Amino acid sequence: MIITTGGIKGGSGKTTVATNITVYLSSKGRDVLFIDADDQESAYHFSEQRETARGEGNTGYTAIRQKNKEVRTEVLKLVSKFDDIIIDTGGRDTASQRAALSVSDVYLVPFYPRTLDTWTLPEVEELVSEMQTSNPKLRAFSFINRADVQGTDNKDVAELLQESEVITYLDAPLVNRKAFANAISFGVGIFELKPTDVKAQSEFYTLLQCIFNSLEINML
């Protein structure tokens, strides 16, 4: 399976999602390729930190950097060699993101529960519609990331996302917990972080369940 994380606006926490999916799938014995297609290279820096913490060559997956149209070329060249490919793209409409979507099965778009983020929904819908023309298998999913612990913003954004006829909304918010940031900085997945944050783990597992249940596949 090829999964791309992205969107039109930065700061939504897409790299957090991409790294945790990569680590989780690799922990289940799947052979995973993790491609950093974002100019900021946060995902690749995570992999470097993970290798430092665990030992050289011991990330549990293969990590590479790739940009622009070469993302598609590299995926097509390597897809038969891996069980899953996770691609982290930038928070804007780039050649890298479009190249990734041209070969992906799943497009994950996290939304931060603020008005500026939701304003980008029509642009994301347009991007998905365009890419599905050339890649009909592409399925797009939205969800709330960095959600508030309380307040009405989560509910308001959820109602807006549910209205989309192009992107399927997943009712599996990830709360803005320090554990997710700590895991990234230590080079570990949320399920590996010590001390354990049970709530953060439960939220991410629910997100995985929603994704794979929507695809009608069992990868948990």
Protein backbone atom coordinates (compact mmCIF):
# COMPACT_ATOMS: atom_id res chain seq x y z
CA MET A 1 0.00 0.00 0.00
CA ILE A 2 1.17 3.51 -0.82
CA ILE A 3 0.12 6.21 1.65
CA THR A 4 0.84 9.91 1.23
CA THR A 5 0.43 12.55 3.93
CA GLY A 6 0.04 16.14 2.82
CA GLY A 7 -2.21 19.12 2.39
CA ILE A 8 -2.17 22.73 1.29
CA LYS A 9 -1.16 24.38 4.57
CA GLY A 10 1.79 23.64 6.83
CA GLY A 11 1.65 23.09 10.57
CA SER A 12 -1.05 20.42 10.52
CA GLY A 13 1.21 17.71 11.93
CA LYS A 14 1.38 15.53 8.83
CA THR A 15 4.95 14.40 9.55
CA THR A 16 3.88 13.20 12.99
CA VAL A 17 1.25 11.06 11.30
CA ALA A 18 3.60 9.77 8.61
CA THR A 19 6.37 8.79 11.04
CA ASN A 20 3.98 6.99 13.36
CA ILE A 21 2.34 5.02 10.57
CA THR A 22 5.77 4.04 9.28
CA VAL A 23 7.01 2.90 12.67
CA TYR A 24 3.78 1.05 13.45
CA LEU A 25 3.67 -0.90 10.19
CA SER A 26 7.36 -1.79 10.41
CA SER A 27 6.81 -3.02 13.99
CA LYS A 28 4.29 -5.50 12.57
CA GLY A 29 6.98 -7.04 10.40
CA ARG A 30 6.07 -5.22 7.21
CA ASP A 31 8.84 -4.06 4.90
CA VAL A 32 8.31 -0.29 4.72
CA LEU A 33 9.88 2.42 2.56
CA PHE A 34 9.61 5.91 4.06
CA ILE A 35 10.05 8.71 1.52
CA ASP A 36 10.60 12.29 2.64
CA ALA A 37 9.32 14.47 -0.20
CA ASP A 38 9.07 17.66 1.85
CA ASP A 39 11.62 20.44 1.38
CA GLN A 40 11.86 20.83 5.17
CA GLU A 41 13.07 17.19 5.42
CA SER A 42 11.56 16.72 8.89
CA ALA A 43 10.75 13.07 8.22
CA TYR A 44 14.31 12.32 7.17
CA HIS A 45 15.68 14.08 10.25
CA PHE A 46 13.37 11.89 12.34
CA SER A 47 14.87 8.81 10.73
CA GLU A 48 18.38 10.10 11.44
CA GLN A 49 17.46 10.66 15.09
CA ARG A 50 15.93 7.19 15.24
CA GLU A 51 19.09 5.64 13.85
CA THR A 52 21.19 7.53 16.40
CA ALA A 53 19.02 6.24 19.24
CA ARG A 54 18.72 2.65 18.01
CA GLY A 55 22.01 2.11 16.24
CA GLU A 56 23.13 2.46 12.64
CA GLY A 57 20.88 0.65 10.18
CA ASN A 58 18.32 -0.13 12.88
CA THR A 59 15.40 2.16 12.07
CA GLY A 60 13.21 -0.81 11.19
CA TYR A 61 12.47 0.57 7.73
CA THR A 62 14.19 2.10 4.69
CA ALA A 63 14.30 5.91 4.55
CA ILE A 64 15.13 8.02 1.51
CA ARG A 65 14.69 11.60 0.31
CA GLN A 66 13.15 12.39 -3.05
CA LYS A 67 11.72 15.51 -4.67
CA ASN A 68 9.57 16.68 -7.57
CA LYS A 69 8.66 14.30 -10.40
CA GLU A 70 11.34 11.86 -9.26
CA VAL A 71 9.03 10.83 -6.41
CA ARG A 72 6.80 9.03 -8.89
CA THR A 73 9.77 7.52 -10.72
CA GLU A 74 11.29 6.19 -7.50
CA VAL A 75 8.02 4.73 -6.23
CA LEU A 76 7.33 2.90 -9.48
CA LYS A 77 10.87 1.52 -9.40
CA LEU A 78 10.67 0.30 -5.80
CA VAL A 79 7.02 -0.56 -5.22
CA SER A 80 7.50 -4.28 -5.85
CA LYS A 81 10.29 -4.45 -3.27
CA PHE A 82 8.27 -3.24 -0.27
CA ASP A 83 5.02 -4.12 1.47
CA ASP A 84 4.18 -0.46 2.07
CA ILE A 85 5.45 2.95 1.00
CA ILE A 86 4.77 6.03 3.16
CA ILE A 87 5.40 9.42 1.55
CA ASP A 88 5.52 12.62 3.58
CA THR A 89 4.99 15.67 1.37
CA GLY A 90 5.01 19.40 2.03
CA GLY A 91 2.12 21.49 3.27
CA ARG A 92 1.41 23.08 -0.10
CA ASP A 93 0.58 22.11 -3.66
CA THR A 94 3.96 21.04 -5.03
CA ALA A 95 5.30 18.90 -7.84
CA SER A 96 6.44 16.42 -5.18
CA GLN A 97 2.95 16.09 -3.70
CA ARG A 98 1.31 15.67 -7.10
CA ALA A 99 3.91 13.08 -8.11
CA ALA A 100 3.21 11.16 -4.90
CA LEU A 101 -0.56 11.30 -5.39
CA SER A 102 -0.24 10.02 -8.95
CA VAL A 103 0.86 6.64 -7.57
CA SER A 104 -0.74 6.53 -4.09
CA ASP A 105 -3.60 4.42 -2.80
CA VAL A 106 -4.30 6.69 0.16
CA TYR A 107 -4.02 10.44 0.74
CA LEU A 108 -4.18 11.53 4.40
CA VAL A 109 -4.88 15.21 5.07
CA PRO A 110 -4.78 16.30 8.72
CA PHE A 111 -6.52 19.57 9.60
CA TYR A 112 -5.65 21.78 12.54
CA PRO A 113 -8.96 22.97 14.06
CA ARG A 114 -8.64 26.62 13.10
CA THR A 115 -10.39 28.71 10.44
CA LEU A 116 -7.22 29.37 8.41
CA ASP A 117 -6.76 25.64 7.94
CA THR A 118 -10.35 24.88 6.98
CA TRP A 119 -10.23 27.61 4.34
CA THR A 120 -7.87 25.34 2.39
CA LEU A 121 -10.44 22.52 2.11
CA PRO A 122 -11.76 23.58 -1.34
CA GLU A 123 -8.18 23.68 -2.66
CA VAL A 124 -7.48 20.21 -1.29
CA GLU A 125 -10.71 18.91 -2.81
CA GLU A 126 -9.74 20.36 -6.18
CA LEU A 127 -6.30 18.75 -5.94
CA VAL A 128 -7.79 15.37 -5.08
CA SER A 129 -10.31 15.56 -7.92
CA GLU A 130 -7.56 16.41 -10.40
CA MET A 131 -5.32 13.59 -9.25
CA GLN A 132 -8.13 11.02 -9.25
CA THR A 133 -8.53 11.67 -12.97
CA SER A 134 -5.14 10.12 -13.61
CA ASN A 135 -5.16 7.85 -10.56
CA PRO A 136 -8.71 6.51 -10.02
CA LYS A 137 -7.63 4.23 -7.15
CA LEU A 138 -6.68 7.22 -4.97
CA ARG A 139 -8.73 7.50 -1.75
CA ALA A 140 -8.54 10.71 0.28
CA PHE A 141 -9.22 11.01 4.01
CA SER A 142 -9.33 13.99 6.36
CA PHE A 143 -9.18 14.09 10.15
CA ILE A 144 -8.45 16.57 12.91
CA ASN A 145 -4.90 16.70 14.22
CA ARG A 146 -3.57 18.77 17.11
CA ALA A 147 -7.15 18.88 18.39
CA ASP A 148 -8.10 21.00 21.41
CA VAL A 149 -8.69 19.20 24.68
CA GLN A 150 -11.96 21.08 25.05
CA GLY A 151 -13.99 23.79 23.33
CA THR A 152 -16.18 23.96 20.23
CA ASP A 153 -13.54 24.35 17.52
CA ASN A 154 -13.09 20.59 17.07
CA LYS A 155 -16.82 20.11 16.54
CA ASP A 156 -17.13 23.04 14.14
CA VAL A 157 -14.25 21.84 11.97
CA ALA A 158 -15.50 18.24 12.04
CA GLU A 159 -18.90 19.34 10.75
CA LEU A 160 -17.24 21.25 7.91
CA LEU A 161 -15.00 18.35 6.91
CA GLN A 162 -17.96 15.96 6.94
CA GLU A 163 -19.63 18.00 4.21
CA SER A 164 -16.96 17.15 1.64
CA GLU A 165 -18.05 14.83 -1.15
CA VAL A 166 -14.47 14.32 -2.30
CA ILE A 167 -12.58 13.60 0.92
CA THR A 168 -13.85 11.09 3.48
CA TYR A 169 -13.84 12.44 7.02
CA LEU A 170 -12.50 10.13 9.74
CA ASP A 171 -13.87 10.71 13.22
CA ALA A 172 -10.54 9.96 14.89
CA PRO A 173 -9.02 13.20 16.20
CA LEU A 174 -5.50 13.32 17.57
CA VAL A 175 -5.35 15.68 20.55
CA ASN A 176 -2.49 18.16 20.75
CA ARG A 177 -0.52 16.10 23.28
CA LYS A 178 3.09 16.64 24.29
CA ALA A 179 3.70 12.92 23.84
CA PHE A 180 3.52 13.20 20.05
CA ALA A 181 6.15 15.95 20.00
CA ASN A 182 8.36 14.02 22.45
CA ALA A 183 8.17 10.89 20.32
CA ILE A 184 9.30 12.79 17.23
CA SER A 185 12.22 14.40 19.05
CA PHE A 186 13.40 11.04 20.45
CA GLY A 187 13.09 9.26 17.11
CA VAL A 188 10.41 6.84 18.31
CA GLY A 189 6.80 6.08 17.50
CA ILE A 190 4.01 6.90 19.93
CA PHE A 191 3.69 3.20 20.77
CA GLU A 192 7.39 3.07 21.71
CA LEU A 193 7.54 6.21 23.83
CA LYS A 194 8.44 5.85 27.51
CA PRO A 195 6.74 6.71 29.76
CA THR A 196 3.67 5.52 27.93
CA ASP A 197 0.89 7.94 27.06
CA VAL A 198 -2.14 5.65 26.92
CA LYS A 199 -4.47 8.33 25.59
CA ALA A 200 -2.14 9.27 22.73
CA GLN A 201 -1.65 5.62 21.83
CA SER A 202 -5.39 4.97 21.88
CA GLU A 203 -6.08 7.98 19.66
CA PHE A 204 -3.53 6.95 17.07
CA TYR A 205 -4.70 3.33 17.06
CA THR A 206 -8.27 4.55 16.50
CA LEU A 207 -7.06 6.60 13.54
CA LEU A 208 -5.35 3.53 12.06
CA GLN A 209 -8.51 1.51 12.58
CA CYS A 210 -10.62 4.11 10.80
CA ILE A 211 -8.22 4.24 7.84
CA PHE A 212 -7.94 0.51 7.32
CA ASN A 213 -11.60 -0.21 8.05
CA SER A 214 -12.55 2.35 5.39
CA LEU A 215 -10.29 0.51 2.96
CA GLU A 216 -11.73 -2.84 4.11
CA ILE A 217 -8.31 -4.30 4.83
CA ASN A 218 -6.76 -5.70 7.99
CA MET A 219 -3.28 -4.32 8.71
CA LEU A 220 -3.50 -3.93 12.49
